[in-house]
Amino acid sequence: MTNDLTDRTTVYFVIAHAGVAMQEGHRRLIAAGLVPADSTPYGFYGFSHFDVVEVHNTRGSQVGCWFRLRDGRVIDWRGEEQSLRDRELYDRRN
């Protein structure tokens, strides 16, 4: 049996983590001159941190940041949709 408080805490952590990761990725892309300085993370990514259900930090031997959305899509920190969506591939080292 799961604890409702634990479930809510986990959801809030994921939302907060996603928001920070999206802002950081967006700032890096601005600094690299890849997106306009006046853009917003939401405008760039096309989704909000409230749409994120998981944040992954590894995929196999790759280190990075991938956002798993409610609709099942996986988007990396550069805003690129990933064809590899299998949850088993993320957050484990090979």
Protein backbone atom coordinates (compact mmCIF):
# COMPACT_ATOMS: atom_id res chain seq x y z
CA MET A 1 0.00 0.00 0.00
CA THR A 2 1.39 3.41 -0.93
CA ASN A 3 1.30 6.45 1.26
CA ASP A 4 -0.63 9.36 -0.29
CA LEU A 5 1.83 11.89 1.17
CA THR A 6 4.77 9.98 -0.32
CA ASP A 7 3.06 9.86 -3.72
CA ARG A 8 2.33 13.60 -3.65
CA THR A 9 5.88 14.38 -2.50
CA THR A 10 7.28 12.35 -5.38
CA VAL A 11 5.06 14.18 -7.88
CA TYR A 12 6.10 17.57 -6.49
CA PHE A 13 9.77 16.57 -6.64
CA VAL A 14 9.48 15.48 -10.29
CA ILE A 15 7.71 18.72 -11.23
CA ALA A 16 10.31 20.85 -9.43
CA HIS A 17 13.23 18.83 -10.88
CA ALA A 18 11.77 19.09 -14.38
CA GLY A 19 11.29 22.85 -14.04
CA VAL A 20 14.88 23.42 -12.92
CA ALA A 21 16.30 21.08 -15.59
CA MET A 22 14.25 22.76 -18.34
CA GLN A 23 15.41 26.22 -17.25
CA GLU A 24 19.05 25.11 -17.11
CA GLY A 25 18.90 23.42 -20.52
CA HIS A 26 17.22 26.47 -22.00
CA ARG A 27 19.89 28.78 -20.50
CA ARG A 28 22.66 26.61 -22.00
CA LEU A 29 21.06 26.74 -25.42
CA ILE A 30 20.73 30.54 -25.20
CA ALA A 31 24.39 30.82 -24.15
CA ALA A 32 25.40 28.68 -27.14
CA GLY A 33 23.36 30.94 -29.43
CA LEU A 34 21.07 28.10 -30.47
CA VAL A 35 17.81 29.70 -29.32
CA PRO A 36 16.75 33.35 -29.08
CA ALA A 37 17.51 35.07 -25.77
CA ASP A 38 13.92 36.28 -25.48
CA SER A 39 12.43 32.77 -25.74
CA THR A 40 11.02 30.90 -22.76
CA PRO A 41 11.54 27.27 -21.72
CA TYR A 42 7.85 26.55 -22.37
CA GLY A 43 7.97 28.21 -25.77
CA PHE A 44 11.14 26.37 -26.73
CA TYR A 45 10.24 22.89 -25.46
CA GLY A 46 6.55 23.09 -26.28
CA PHE A 47 5.53 21.62 -22.94
CA SER A 48 5.48 22.66 -19.30
CA HIS A 49 7.20 21.04 -16.33
CA PHE A 50 3.69 20.05 -15.24
CA ASP A 51 3.57 17.73 -18.30
CA VAL A 52 6.64 15.78 -17.12
CA VAL A 53 6.13 12.50 -15.26
CA GLU A 54 9.79 11.45 -15.01
CA VAL A 55 13.21 13.02 -15.45
CA HIS A 56 15.94 10.60 -16.54
CA ASN A 57 19.65 11.37 -16.11
CA THR A 58 21.18 8.41 -17.92
CA ARG A 59 20.39 6.30 -20.97
CA GLY A 60 22.70 3.32 -21.11
CA SER A 61 26.20 4.79 -20.88
CA GLN A 62 25.04 8.30 -21.91
CA VAL A 63 24.68 10.99 -19.28
CA GLY A 64 22.21 13.80 -19.92
CA CYS A 65 18.67 14.82 -19.23
CA TRP A 66 15.53 13.34 -20.74
CA PHE A 67 11.97 14.34 -19.93
CA ARG A 68 9.26 11.65 -20.08
CA LEU A 69 5.91 13.32 -20.76
CA ARG A 70 2.38 12.26 -19.82
CA ASP A 71 1.68 11.39 -23.46
CA GLY A 72 4.60 8.92 -23.51
CA ARG A 73 7.05 11.00 -25.53
CA VAL A 74 10.65 11.38 -24.35
CA ILE A 75 12.35 14.71 -25.07
CA ASP A 76 16.01 15.45 -24.39
CA TRP A 77 17.33 18.70 -22.87
CA ARG A 78 17.95 20.06 -26.39
CA GLY A 79 14.24 19.71 -27.19
CA GLU A 80 14.68 16.73 -29.51
CA GLU A 81 12.07 13.97 -29.38
CA GLN A 82 13.64 10.56 -28.83
CA SER A 83 12.69 7.45 -30.74
CA LEU A 84 13.85 5.30 -27.79
CA ARG A 85 11.01 5.41 -25.27
CA ASP A 86 11.41 2.14 -23.38
CA ARG A 87 11.68 2.99 -19.68
CA GLU A 88 14.14 0.10 -19.21
CA LEU A 89 16.77 1.98 -21.25
CA TYR A 90 16.88 4.98 -18.94
CA ASP A 91 18.49 5.53 -15.53
CA ARG A 92 20.69 2.48 -15.59
CA ARG A 93 24.32 2.06 -16.57
CA ASN A 94 25.49 -0.56 -19.07
